Each structure stands twice: as C-alpha cells, then as structure tokens.
Amino acid sequence: MTYGEFWLRYLRAHAKPATRALHYCGSTLALGSIALAILAHNYGWLVFAPVAGYSFAWGAHFFVEHNRPETFGHPFWSLISDFRMFFLFISGRLQPHLRTCGL
C-alpha cells in the first residue's frame, strides 16, 4: 500500500464529523502540552502529549466511529495523517480530500 492509498483509507476511517472533531481536540491538547513543556521548561508535560492525543482519537474510534484505529496497523503513517488532517482542517483545505474519498 502506498501512503496515498493509506491517506484515503485513513480519511474513510474518520467518516463522522464527531470522530474528526475528537481527533482535533486530542491533537490540540497534544500540541499544547508540547508547547507548554518547551515554554515552561517542564518536560514532564511531554508525557501528556501522547496520552491526550491517543485517548481522544481512540475514544472516537471505539465510541463514535465503531472501527479499529489505523494506529494499530500503521502507527507512523497514522500519526502523520492525524496531523495532516488537523492542519488541513484548520487551514480550511480538508473538504476536497474528504470528497476524493467519497465523504
């Protein structure tokens, strides 16, 4: 599978807007905790980044989308795709990608 094929599969696994919204919450908290760790010189906050990110994402998959998180099969591509989806969303450029995969 190429990354391009994975990207479309990843988006299909995030079909419901609530699933994507929970991912965005987790990504925001993860990035915020990284920023806080750097700004406050308190690197204990780095522990919170994956906890926040994955708890929101996996909760969305288990309780909203009712599917298996892509992280379990492709952890690196999944992490890249999560932030790609997040930054495309906040820049207003996600919709064409969703349309491409039929959402």
PDB file of N, CA and C in Angstrom:
ATOM      1  N   MET A   1       0.852  -1.173   0.000  1.00  0.00           N
ATOM      2  CA  MET A   1       0.000   0.000   0.000  1.00  0.00           C
ATOM      3  C   MET A   1       0.898   1.236   0.000  1.00  0.00           C
ATOM      4  N   THR A   2       0.554   2.199  -0.808  1.00  0.00           N
ATOM      5  CA  THR A   2       1.283   3.463  -0.825  1.00  0.00           C
ATOM      6  C   THR A   2       0.721   4.383   0.246  1.00  0.00           C
ATOM      7  N   TYR A   3       1.450   5.457   0.546  1.00  0.00           N
ATOM      8  CA  TYR A   3       0.911   6.404   1.517  1.00  0.00           C
ATOM      9  C   TYR A   3      -0.363   7.050   0.975  1.00  0.00           C
ATOM     10  N   GLY A   4      -0.413   7.335  -0.318  1.00  0.00           N
ATOM     11  CA  GLY A   4      -1.621   7.925  -0.909  1.00  0.00           C
ATOM     12  C   GLY A   4      -2.847   7.054  -0.707  1.00  0.00           C
ATOM     13  N   GLU A   5      -2.678   5.748  -0.869  1.00  0.00           N
ATOM     14  CA  GLU A   5      -3.783   4.814  -0.634  1.00  0.00           C
ATOM     15  C   GLU A   5      -4.147   4.789   0.847  1.00  0.00           C
ATOM     16  N   PHE A   6      -3.123   4.809   1.691  1.00  0.00           N
ATOM     17  CA  PHE A   6      -3.380   4.826   3.132  1.00  0.00           C
ATOM     18  C   PHE A   6      -4.140   6.089   3.530  1.00  0.00           C
ATOM     19  N   TRP A   7      -3.764   7.232   2.976  1.00  0.00           N
ATOM     20  CA  TRP A   7      -4.404   8.507   3.304  1.00  0.00           C
ATOM     21  C   TRP A   7      -5.910   8.434   3.042  1.00  0.00           C
ATOM     22  N   LEU A   8      -6.303   7.892   1.903  1.00  0.00           N
ATOM     23  CA  LEU A   8      -7.735   7.769   1.603  1.00  0.00           C
ATOM     24  C   LEU A   8      -8.410   6.799   2.570  1.00  0.00           C
ATOM     25  N   ARG A   9      -7.738   5.707   2.879  1.00  0.00           N
ATOM     26  CA  ARG A   9      -8.265   4.748   3.858  1.00  0.00           C
ATOM     27  C   ARG A   9      -8.391   5.411   5.232  1.00  0.00           C
ATOM     28  N   TYR A  10      -7.396   6.202   5.594  1.00  0.00           N
ATOM     29  CA  TYR A  10      -7.401   6.910   6.873  1.00  0.00           C
ATOM     30  C   TYR A  10      -8.607   7.850   6.951  1.00  0.00           C
ATOM     31  N   LEU A  11      -8.848   8.620   5.906  1.00  0.00           N
ATOM     32  CA  LEU A  11      -9.985   9.536   5.911  1.00  0.00           C
ATOM     33  C   LEU A  11     -11.309   8.793   5.992  1.00  0.00           C
ATOM     34  N   ARG A  12     -11.417   7.670   5.286  1.00  0.00           N
ATOM     35  CA  ARG A  12     -12.653   6.878   5.361  1.00  0.00           C
ATOM     36  C   ARG A  12     -12.887   6.339   6.774  1.00  0.00           C
ATOM     37  N   ALA A  13     -11.815   6.074   7.496  1.00  0.00           N
ATOM     38  CA  ALA A  13     -11.936   5.595   8.878  1.00  0.00           C
ATOM     39  C   ALA A  13     -12.355   6.716   9.824  1.00  0.00           C
ATOM     40  N   HIS A  14     -12.382   7.948   9.311  1.00  0.00           N
ATOM     41  CA  HIS A  14     -12.774   9.124  10.085  1.00  0.00           C
ATOM     42  C   HIS A  14     -13.974   9.800   9.413  1.00  0.00           C
ATOM     43  N   ALA A  15     -14.933   8.997   9.006  1.00  0.00           N
ATOM     44  CA  ALA A  15     -16.058   9.482   8.211  1.00  0.00           C
ATOM     45  C   ALA A  15     -16.969  10.433   8.971  1.00  0.00           C
ATOM     46  N   LYS A  16     -17.184  10.185  10.240  1.00  0.00           N
ATOM     47  CA  LYS A  16     -18.119  11.010  11.009  1.00  0.00           C
ATOM     48  C   LYS A  16     -17.438  12.287  11.494  1.00  0.00           C
ATOM     49  N   PRO A  17     -18.122  13.427  11.333  1.00  0.00           N
ATOM     50  CA  PRO A  17     -17.541  14.687  11.807  1.00  0.00           C
ATOM     51  C   PRO A  17     -17.171  14.667  13.292  1.00  0.00           C
ATOM     52  N   ALA A  18     -17.941  13.951  14.105  1.00  0.00           N
ATOM     53  CA  ALA A  18     -17.630  13.887  15.541  1.00  0.00           C
ATOM     54  C   ALA A  18     -16.300  13.176  15.784  1.00  0.00           C
ATOM     55  N   THR A  19     -16.006  12.176  14.971  1.00  0.00           N
ATOM     56  CA  THR A  19     -14.730  11.481  15.091  1.00  0.00           C
ATOM     57  C   THR A  19     -13.582  12.434  14.792  1.00  0.00           C
ATOM     58  N   ARG A  20     -13.721  13.181  13.718  1.00  0.00           N
ATOM     59  CA  ARG A  20     -12.674  14.148  13.362  1.00  0.00           C
ATOM     60  C   ARG A  20     -12.553  15.227  14.432  1.00  0.00           C
ATOM     61  N   ALA A  21     -13.685  15.685  14.966  1.00  0.00           N
ATOM     62  CA  ALA A  21     -13.648  16.728  15.996  1.00  0.00           C
ATOM     63  C   ALA A  21     -12.904  16.247  17.242  1.00  0.00           C
ATOM     64  N   LEU A  22     -13.139  15.013  17.645  1.00  0.00           N
ATOM     65  CA  LEU A  22     -12.419  14.479  18.807  1.00  0.00           C
ATOM     66  C   LEU A  22     -10.930  14.339  18.513  1.00  0.00           C
ATOM     67  N   HIS A  23     -10.599  13.982  17.287  1.00  0.00           N
ATOM     68  CA  HIS A  23      -9.183  13.942  16.895  1.00  0.00           C
ATOM     69  C   HIS A  23      -8.563  15.336  17.000  1.00  0.00           C
ATOM     70  N   TYR A  24      -9.288  16.338  16.546  1.00  0.00           N
ATOM     71  CA  TYR A  24      -8.759  17.709  16.607  1.00  0.00           C
ATOM     72  C   TYR A  24      -8.544  18.150  18.051  1.00  0.00           C
ATOM     73  N   CYS A  25      -9.460  17.762  18.932  1.00  0.00           N
ATOM     74  CA  CYS A  25      -9.289  18.088  20.357  1.00  0.00           C
ATOM     75  C   CYS A  25      -8.021  17.443  20.898  1.00  0.00           C
ATOM     76  N   GLY A  26      -7.840  16.170  20.612  1.00  0.00           N
ATOM     77  CA  GLY A  26      -6.645  15.472  21.071  1.00  0.00           C
ATOM     78  C   GLY A  26      -5.370  16.059  20.497  1.00  0.00           C
ATOM     79  N   SER A  27      -5.392  16.403  19.218  1.00  0.00           N
ATOM     80  CA  SER A  27      -4.209  16.996  18.578  1.00  0.00           C
ATOM     81  C   SER A  27      -3.889  18.358  19.184  1.00  0.00           C
ATOM     82  N   THR A  28      -4.923  19.150  19.450  1.00  0.00           N
ATOM     83  CA  THR A  28      -4.725  20.464  20.057  1.00  0.00           C
ATOM     84  C   THR A  28      -4.105  20.332  21.447  1.00  0.00           C
ATOM     85  N   LEU A  29      -4.644  19.415  22.240  1.00  0.00           N
ATOM     86  CA  LEU A  29      -4.090  19.200  23.584  1.00  0.00           C
ATOM     87  C   LEU A  29      -2.663  18.665  23.522  1.00  0.00           C
ATOM     88  N   ALA A  30      -2.392  17.768  22.586  1.00  0.00           N
ATOM     89  CA  ALA A  30      -1.043  17.211  22.448  1.00  0.00           C
ATOM     90  C   ALA A  30      -0.052  18.306  22.051  1.00  0.00           C
ATOM     91  N   LEU A  31      -0.404  19.100  21.053  1.00  0.00           N
ATOM     92  CA  LEU A  31       0.492  20.185  20.637  1.00  0.00           C
ATOM     93  C   LEU A  31       0.644  21.232  21.737  1.00  0.00           C
ATOM     94  N   GLY A  32      -0.447  21.503  22.448  1.00  0.00           N
ATOM     95  CA  GLY A  32      -0.389  22.451  23.560  1.00  0.00           C
ATOM     96  C   GLY A  32       0.514  21.973  24.675  1.00  0.00           C
ATOM     97  N   SER A  33       0.471  20.687  24.970  1.00  0.00           N
ATOM     98  CA  SER A  33       1.330  20.172  26.032  1.00  0.00           C
ATOM     99  C   SER A  33       2.801  20.192  25.612  1.00  0.00           C
ATOM    100  N   ILE A  34       3.065  19.978  24.336  1.00  0.00           N
ATOM    101  CA  ILE A  34       4.446  20.087  23.840  1.00  0.00           C
ATOM    102  C   ILE A  34       4.926  21.526  23.948  1.00  0.00           C
ATOM    103  N   ALA A  35       4.074  22.455  23.549  1.00  0.00           N
ATOM    104  CA  ALA A  35       4.431  23.878  23.647  1.00  0.00           C
ATOM    105  C   ALA A  35       4.649  24.280  25.106  1.00  0.00           C
ATOM    106  N   LEU A  36       3.789  23.823  25.980  1.00  0.00           N
ATOM    107  CA  LEU A  36       3.916  24.131  27.402  1.00  0.00           C
ATOM    108  C   LEU A  36       5.216  23.567  27.971  1.00  0.00           C
ATOM    109  N   ALA A  37       5.553  22.365  27.582  1.00  0.00           N
ATOM    110  CA  ALA A  37       6.806  21.751  28.046  1.00  0.00           C
ATOM    111  C   ALA A  37       8.007  22.598  27.639  1.00  0.00           C
ATOM    112  N   ILE A  38       7.972  23.092  26.418  1.00  0.00           N
ATOM    113  CA  ILE A  38       9.092  23.900  25.917  1.00  0.00           C
ATOM    114  C   ILE A  38       9.114  25.269  26.585  1.00  0.00           C
ATOM    115  N   LEU A  39       7.966  25.926  26.623  1.00  0.00           N
ATOM    116  CA  LEU A  39       7.910  27.286  27.169  1.00  0.00           C
ATOM    117  C   LEU A  39       8.171  27.329  28.669  1.00  0.00           C
ATOM    118  N   ALA A  40       7.675  26.324  29.390  1.00  0.00           N
ATOM    119  CA  ALA A  40       7.834  26.308  30.846  1.00  0.00           C
ATOM    120  C   ALA A  40       9.090  25.560  31.291  1.00  0.00           C
ATOM    121  N   HIS A  41       9.798  25.009  30.325  1.00  0.00           N
ATOM    122  CA  HIS A  41      10.985  24.192  30.646  1.00  0.00           C
ATOM    123  C   HIS A  41      10.647  23.098  31.644  1.00  0.00           C
ATOM    124  N   ASN A  42       9.433  22.573  31.508  1.00  0.00           N
ATOM    125  CA  ASN A  42       8.965  21.484  32.363  1.00  0.00           C
ATOM    126  C   ASN A  42       8.599  20.328  31.436  1.00  0.00           C
ATOM    127  N   TYR A  43       9.557  19.469  31.183  1.00  0.00           N
ATOM    128  CA  TYR A  43       9.391  18.437  30.180  1.00  0.00           C
ATOM    129  C   TYR A  43       8.516  17.280  30.634  1.00  0.00           C
ATOM    130  N   GLY A  44       8.021  17.345  31.848  1.00  0.00           N
ATOM    131  CA  GLY A  44       7.027  16.385  32.303  1.00  0.00           C
ATOM    132  C   GLY A  44       5.745  16.474  31.490  1.00  0.00           C
ATOM    133  N   TRP A  45       5.477  17.648  30.931  1.00  0.00           N
ATOM    134  CA  TRP A  45       4.292  17.836  30.100  1.00  0.00           C
ATOM    135  C   TRP A  45       4.333  16.982  28.833  1.00  0.00           C
ATOM    136  N   LEU A  46       5.520  16.546  28.439  1.00  0.00           N
ATOM    137  CA  LEU A  46       5.634  15.729  27.230  1.00  0.00           C
ATOM    138  C   LEU A  46       4.921  14.390  27.381  1.00  0.00           C
ATOM    139  N   VAL A  47       4.808  13.923  28.612  1.00  0.00           N
ATOM    140  CA  VAL A  47       4.098  12.664  28.869  1.00  0.00           C
ATOM    141  C   VAL A  47       2.620  12.818  28.511  1.00  0.00           C
ATOM    142  N   PHE A  48       2.095  14.007  28.709  1.00  0.00           N
ATOM    143  CA  PHE A  48       0.686  14.262  28.461  1.00  0.00           C
ATOM    144  C   PHE A  48       0.347  14.264  26.966  1.00  0.00           C
ATOM    145  N   ALA A  49       1.303  14.596  26.104  1.00  0.00           N
ATOM    146  CA  ALA A  49       1.025  14.725  24.666  1.00  0.00           C
ATOM    147  C   ALA A  49       0.441  13.444  24.064  1.00  0.00           C
ATOM    148  N   PRO A  50       1.110  12.301  24.164  1.00  0.00           N
ATOM    149  CA  PRO A  50       0.506  11.101  23.569  1.00  0.00           C
ATOM    150  C   PRO A  50      -0.746  10.631  24.308  1.00  0.00           C
ATOM    151  N   VAL A  51      -0.793  10.850  25.607  1.00  0.00           N
ATOM    152  CA  VAL A  51      -1.979  10.444  26.377  1.00  0.00           C
ATOM    153  C   VAL A  51      -3.197  11.211  25.876  1.00  0.00           C
ATOM    154  N   ALA A  52      -3.060  12.520  25.735  1.00  0.00           N
ATOM    155  CA  ALA A  52      -4.179  13.349  25.261  1.00  0.00           C
ATOM    156  C   ALA A  52      -4.543  12.999  23.829  1.00  0.00           C
ATOM    157  N   GLY A  53      -3.538  12.929  22.988  1.00  0.00           N
ATOM    158  CA  GLY A  53      -3.806  12.672  21.574  1.00  0.00           C
ATOM    159  C   GLY A  53      -4.484  11.335  21.347  1.00  0.00           C
ATOM    160  N   TYR A  54      -3.921  10.292  21.916  1.00  0.00           N
ATOM    161  CA  TYR A  54      -4.465   8.957  21.666  1.00  0.00           C
ATOM    162  C   TYR A  54      -5.758   8.691  22.408  1.00  0.00           C
ATOM    163  N   SER A  55      -5.945   9.263  23.586  1.00  0.00           N
ATOM    164  CA  SER A  55      -7.195   8.995  24.308  1.00  0.00           C
ATOM    165  C   SER A  55      -8.396   9.571  23.555  1.00  0.00           C
ATOM    166  N   PHE A  56      -8.258  10.769  23.035  1.00  0.00           N
ATOM    167  CA  PHE A  56      -9.359  11.357  22.261  1.00  0.00           C
ATOM    168  C   PHE A  56      -9.573  10.582  20.957  1.00  0.00           C
ATOM    169  N   ALA A  57      -8.478  10.259  20.272  1.00  0.00           N
ATOM    170  CA  ALA A  57      -8.582   9.569  18.983  1.00  0.00           C
ATOM    171  C   ALA A  57      -9.174   8.171  19.148  1.00  0.00           C
ATOM    172  N   TRP A  58      -8.631   7.403  20.066  1.00  0.00           N
ATOM    173  CA  TRP A  58      -9.124   6.041  20.245  1.00  0.00           C
ATOM    174  C   TRP A  58     -10.548   6.037  20.796  1.00  0.00           C
ATOM    175  N   GLY A  59     -10.854   6.980  21.671  1.00  0.00           N
ATOM    176  CA  GLY A  59     -12.236   7.099  22.147  1.00  0.00           C
ATOM    177  C   GLY A  59     -13.190   7.354  20.993  1.00  0.00           C
ATOM    178  N   ALA A  60     -12.777   8.195  20.065  1.00  0.00           N
ATOM    179  CA  ALA A  60     -13.614   8.493  18.896  1.00  0.00           C
ATOM    180  C   ALA A  60     -13.851   7.238  18.064  1.00  0.00           C
ATOM    181  N   HIS A  61     -12.809   6.452  17.880  1.00  0.00           N
ATOM    182  CA  HIS A  61     -12.963   5.237  17.065  1.00  0.00           C
ATOM    183  C   HIS A  61     -13.819   4.193  17.771  1.00  0.00           C
ATOM    184  N   PHE A  62     -13.615   4.010  19.054  1.00  0.00           N
ATOM    185  CA  PHE A  62     -14.345   2.976  19.776  1.00  0.00           C
ATOM    186  C   PHE A  62     -15.799   3.356  20.035  1.00  0.00           C
ATOM    187  N   PHE A  63     -16.062   4.627  20.367  1.00  0.00           N
ATOM    188  CA  PHE A  63     -17.405   5.026  20.796  1.00  0.00           C
ATOM    189  C   PHE A  63     -18.214   5.798  19.760  1.00  0.00           C
ATOM    190  N   VAL A  64     -17.573   6.393  18.770  1.00  0.00           N
ATOM    191  CA  VAL A  64     -18.304   7.164  17.754  1.00  0.00           C
ATOM    192  C   VAL A  64     -18.295   6.428  16.413  1.00  0.00           C
ATOM    193  N   GLU A  65     -17.118   6.147  15.929  1.00  0.00           N
ATOM    194  CA  GLU A  65     -16.975   5.560  14.595  1.00  0.00           C
ATOM    195  C   GLU A  65     -17.192   4.035  14.611  1.00  0.00           C
ATOM    196  N   HIS A  66     -16.931   3.409  15.757  1.00  0.00           N
ATOM    197  CA  HIS A  66     -17.068   1.955  15.915  1.00  0.00           C
ATOM    198  C   HIS A  66     -16.191   1.188  14.924  1.00  0.00           C
ATOM    199  N   ASN A  67     -14.934   1.626  14.831  1.00  0.00           N
ATOM    200  CA  ASN A  67     -13.976   0.921  13.987  1.00  0.00           C
ATOM    201  C   ASN A  67     -12.625   0.850  14.700  1.00  0.00           C
ATOM    202  N   ARG A  68     -11.695   0.197  14.086  1.00  0.00           N
ATOM    203  CA  ARG A  68     -10.366  -0.019  14.668  1.00  0.00           C
ATOM    204  C   ARG A  68      -9.461   1.138  14.258  1.00  0.00           C
ATOM    205  N   PRO A  69      -8.788   1.782  15.203  1.00  0.00           N
ATOM    206  CA  PRO A  69      -7.887   2.878  14.844  1.00  0.00           C
ATOM    207  C   PRO A  69      -6.785   2.409  13.887  1.00  0.00           C
ATOM    208  N   GLU A  70      -6.485   3.213  12.907  1.00  0.00           N
ATOM    209  CA  GLU A  70      -5.437   2.893  11.937  1.00  0.00           C
ATOM    210  C   GLU A  70      -4.062   2.825  12.605  1.00  0.00           C
ATOM    211  N   THR A  71      -3.932   3.418  13.773  1.00  0.00           N
ATOM    212  CA  THR A  71      -2.676   3.391  14.515  1.00  0.00           C
ATOM    213  C   THR A  71      -2.197   1.966  14.769  1.00  0.00           C
ATOM    214  N   PHE A  72      -3.128   1.057  14.954  1.00  0.00           N
ATOM    215  CA  PHE A  72      -2.760  -0.318  15.292  1.00  0.00           C
ATOM    216  C   PHE A  72      -2.047  -1.024  14.144  1.00  0.00           C
ATOM    217  N   GLY A  73      -2.357  -0.642  12.912  1.00  0.00           N
ATOM    218  CA  GLY A  73      -1.733  -1.281  11.765  1.00  0.00           C
ATOM    219  C   GLY A  73      -0.589  -0.495  11.149  1.00  0.00           C
ATOM    220  N   HIS A  74      -0.690   0.815  11.213  1.00  0.00           N
ATOM    221  CA  HIS A  74       0.293   1.699  10.582  1.00  0.00           C
ATOM    222  C   HIS A  74       0.561   2.896  11.494  1.00  0.00           C
ATOM    223  N   PRO A  75       1.296   2.707  12.577  1.00  0.00           N
ATOM    224  CA  PRO A  75       1.443   3.779  13.575  1.00  0.00           C
ATOM    225  C   PRO A  75       2.095   5.052  13.046  1.00  0.00           C
ATOM    226  N   PHE A  76       3.141   4.939  12.242  1.00  0.00           N
ATOM    227  CA  PHE A  76       3.828   6.137  11.761  1.00  0.00           C
ATOM    228  C   PHE A  76       2.967   6.906  10.762  1.00  0.00           C
ATOM    229  N   TRP A  77       2.423   6.196   9.777  1.00  0.00           N
ATOM    230  CA  TRP A  77       1.558   6.853   8.800  1.00  0.00           C
ATOM    231  C   TRP A  77       0.310   7.434   9.462  1.00  0.00           C
ATOM    232  N   SER A  78      -0.188   6.758  10.464  1.00  0.00           N
ATOM    233  CA  SER A  78      -1.367   7.236  11.163  1.00  0.00           C
ATOM    234  C   SER A  78      -1.087   8.557  11.891  1.00  0.00           C
ATOM    235  N   LEU A  79       0.059   8.631  12.554  1.00  0.00           N
ATOM    236  CA  LEU A  79       0.425   9.870  13.248  1.00  0.00           C
ATOM    237  C   LEU A  79       0.588  11.018  12.257  1.00  0.00           C
ATOM    238  N   ILE A  80       1.281  10.760  11.154  1.00  0.00           N
ATOM    239  CA  ILE A  80       1.442  11.773  10.114  1.00  0.00           C
ATOM    240  C   ILE A  80       0.076  12.209   9.584  1.00  0.00           C
ATOM    241  N   SER A  81      -0.788  11.239   9.327  1.00  0.00           N
ATOM    242  CA  SER A  81      -2.109  11.534   8.769  1.00  0.00           C
ATOM    243  C   SER A  81      -2.984  12.299   9.739  1.00  0.00           C
ATOM    244  N   ASP A  82      -2.845  12.014  11.022  1.00  0.00           N
ATOM    245  CA  ASP A  82      -3.627  12.731  12.018  1.00  0.00           C
ATOM    246  C   ASP A  82      -3.281  14.217  11.994  1.00  0.00           C
ATOM    247  N   PHE A  83      -1.997  14.524  11.976  1.00  0.00           N
ATOM    248  CA  PHE A  83      -1.609  15.933  11.934  1.00  0.00           C
ATOM    249  C   PHE A  83      -1.885  16.548  10.569  1.00  0.00           C
ATOM    250  N   ARG A  84      -1.792  15.757   9.507  1.00  0.00           N
ATOM    251  CA  ARG A  84      -2.153  16.266   8.181  1.00  0.00           C
ATOM    252  C   ARG A  84      -3.622  16.651   8.157  1.00  0.00           C
ATOM    253  N   MET A  85      -4.483  15.760   8.665  1.00  0.00           N
ATOM    254  CA  MET A  85      -5.911  16.050   8.715  1.00  0.00           C
ATOM    255  C   MET A  85      -6.186  17.285   9.569  1.00  0.00           C
ATOM    256  N   PHE A  86      -5.512  17.382  10.710  1.00  0.00           N
ATOM    257  CA  PHE A  86      -5.680  18.517  11.620  1.00  0.00           C
ATOM    258  C   PHE A  86      -5.303  19.836  10.933  1.00  0.00           C
ATOM    259  N   PHE A  87      -4.129  19.875  10.313  1.00  0.00           N
ATOM    260  CA  PHE A  87      -3.680  21.127   9.696  1.00  0.00           C
ATOM    261  C   PHE A  87      -4.472  21.458   8.431  1.00  0.00           C
ATOM    262  N   LEU A  88      -4.918  20.452   7.686  1.00  0.00           N
ATOM    263  CA  LEU A  88      -5.806  20.722   6.555  1.00  0.00           C
ATOM    264  C   LEU A  88      -7.132  21.290   7.044  1.00  0.00           C
ATOM    265  N   PHE A  89      -7.638  20.767   8.154  1.00  0.00           N
ATOM    266  CA  PHE A  89      -8.894  21.275   8.714  1.00  0.00           C
ATOM    267  C   PHE A  89      -8.752  22.726   9.151  1.00  0.00           C
ATOM    268  N   ILE A  90      -7.719  23.022   9.942  1.00  0.00           N
ATOM    269  CA  ILE A  90      -7.618  24.394  10.458  1.00  0.00           C
ATOM    270  C   ILE A  90      -7.272  25.402   9.361  1.00  0.00           C
ATOM    271  N   SER A  91      -6.732  24.923   8.242  1.00  0.00           N
ATOM    272  CA  SER A  91      -6.450  25.831   7.131  1.00  0.00           C
ATOM    273  C   SER A  91      -7.605  25.878   6.129  1.00  0.00           C
ATOM    274  N   GLY A  92      -8.685  25.118   6.404  1.00  0.00           N
ATOM    275  CA  GLY A  92      -9.857  25.131   5.533  1.00  0.00           C
ATOM    276  C   GLY A  92      -9.666  24.363   4.234  1.00  0.00           C
ATOM    277  N   ARG A  93      -8.717  23.432   4.198  1.00  0.00           N
ATOM    278  CA  ARG A  93      -8.422  22.711   2.954  1.00  0.00           C
ATOM    279  C   ARG A  93      -8.712  21.217   3.026  1.00  0.00           C
ATOM    280  N   LEU A  94      -9.485  20.773   4.020  1.00  0.00           N
ATOM    281  CA  LEU A  94      -9.745  19.344   4.170  1.00  0.00           C
ATOM    282  C   LEU A  94     -10.854  18.842   3.249  1.00  0.00           C
ATOM    283  N   GLN A  95     -11.868  19.641   2.959  1.00  0.00           N
ATOM    284  CA  GLN A  95     -13.032  19.181   2.217  1.00  0.00           C
ATOM    285  C   GLN A  95     -12.706  18.512   0.882  1.00  0.00           C
ATOM    286  N   PRO A  96     -11.807  19.039   0.071  1.00  0.00           N
ATOM    287  CA  PRO A  96     -11.509  18.331  -1.195  1.00  0.00           C
ATOM    288  C   PRO A  96     -10.976  16.915  -0.963  1.00  0.00           C
ATOM    289  N   HIS A  97     -10.221  16.718   0.083  1.00  0.00           N
ATOM    290  CA  HIS A  97      -9.703  15.382   0.407  1.00  0.00           C
ATOM    291  C   HIS A  97     -10.833  14.453   0.822  1.00  0.00           C
ATOM    292  N   LEU A  98     -11.780  14.972   1.589  1.00  0.00           N
ATOM    293  CA  LEU A  98     -12.926  14.171   2.002  1.00  0.00           C
ATOM    294  C   LEU A  98     -13.788  13.792   0.801  1.00  0.00           C
ATOM    295  N   ARG A  99     -13.958  14.731  -0.124  1.00  0.00           N
ATOM    296  CA  ARG A  99     -14.739  14.441  -1.333  1.00  0.00           C
ATOM    297  C   ARG A  99     -14.046  13.379  -2.184  1.00  0.00           C
ATOM    298  N   THR A 100     -12.729  13.437  -2.266  1.00  0.00           N
ATOM    299  CA  THR A 100     -11.975  12.467  -3.057  1.00  0.00           C
ATOM    300  C   THR A 100     -12.220  11.038  -2.591  1.00  0.00           C
ATOM    301  N   CYS A 101     -12.350  10.866  -1.287  1.00  0.00           N
ATOM    302  CA  CYS A 101     -12.568   9.501  -0.778  1.00  0.00           C
ATOM    303  C   CYS A 101     -14.049   9.189  -0.568  1.00  0.00           C
ATOM    304  N   GLY A 102     -14.922  10.029  -1.059  1.00  0.00           N
ATOM    305  CA  GLY A 102     -16.356   9.733  -1.036  1.00  0.00           C
ATOM    306  C   GLY A 102     -17.098  10.179   0.209  1.00  0.00           C
ATOM    307  N   LEU A 103     -16.522  11.078   0.982  1.00  0.00           N
ATOM    308  CA  LEU A 103     -17.200  11.552   2.205  1.00  0.00           C
ATOM    309  C   LEU A 103     -17.824  12.917   1.974  1.00  0.00           C
TER     310      LEU A 103
END
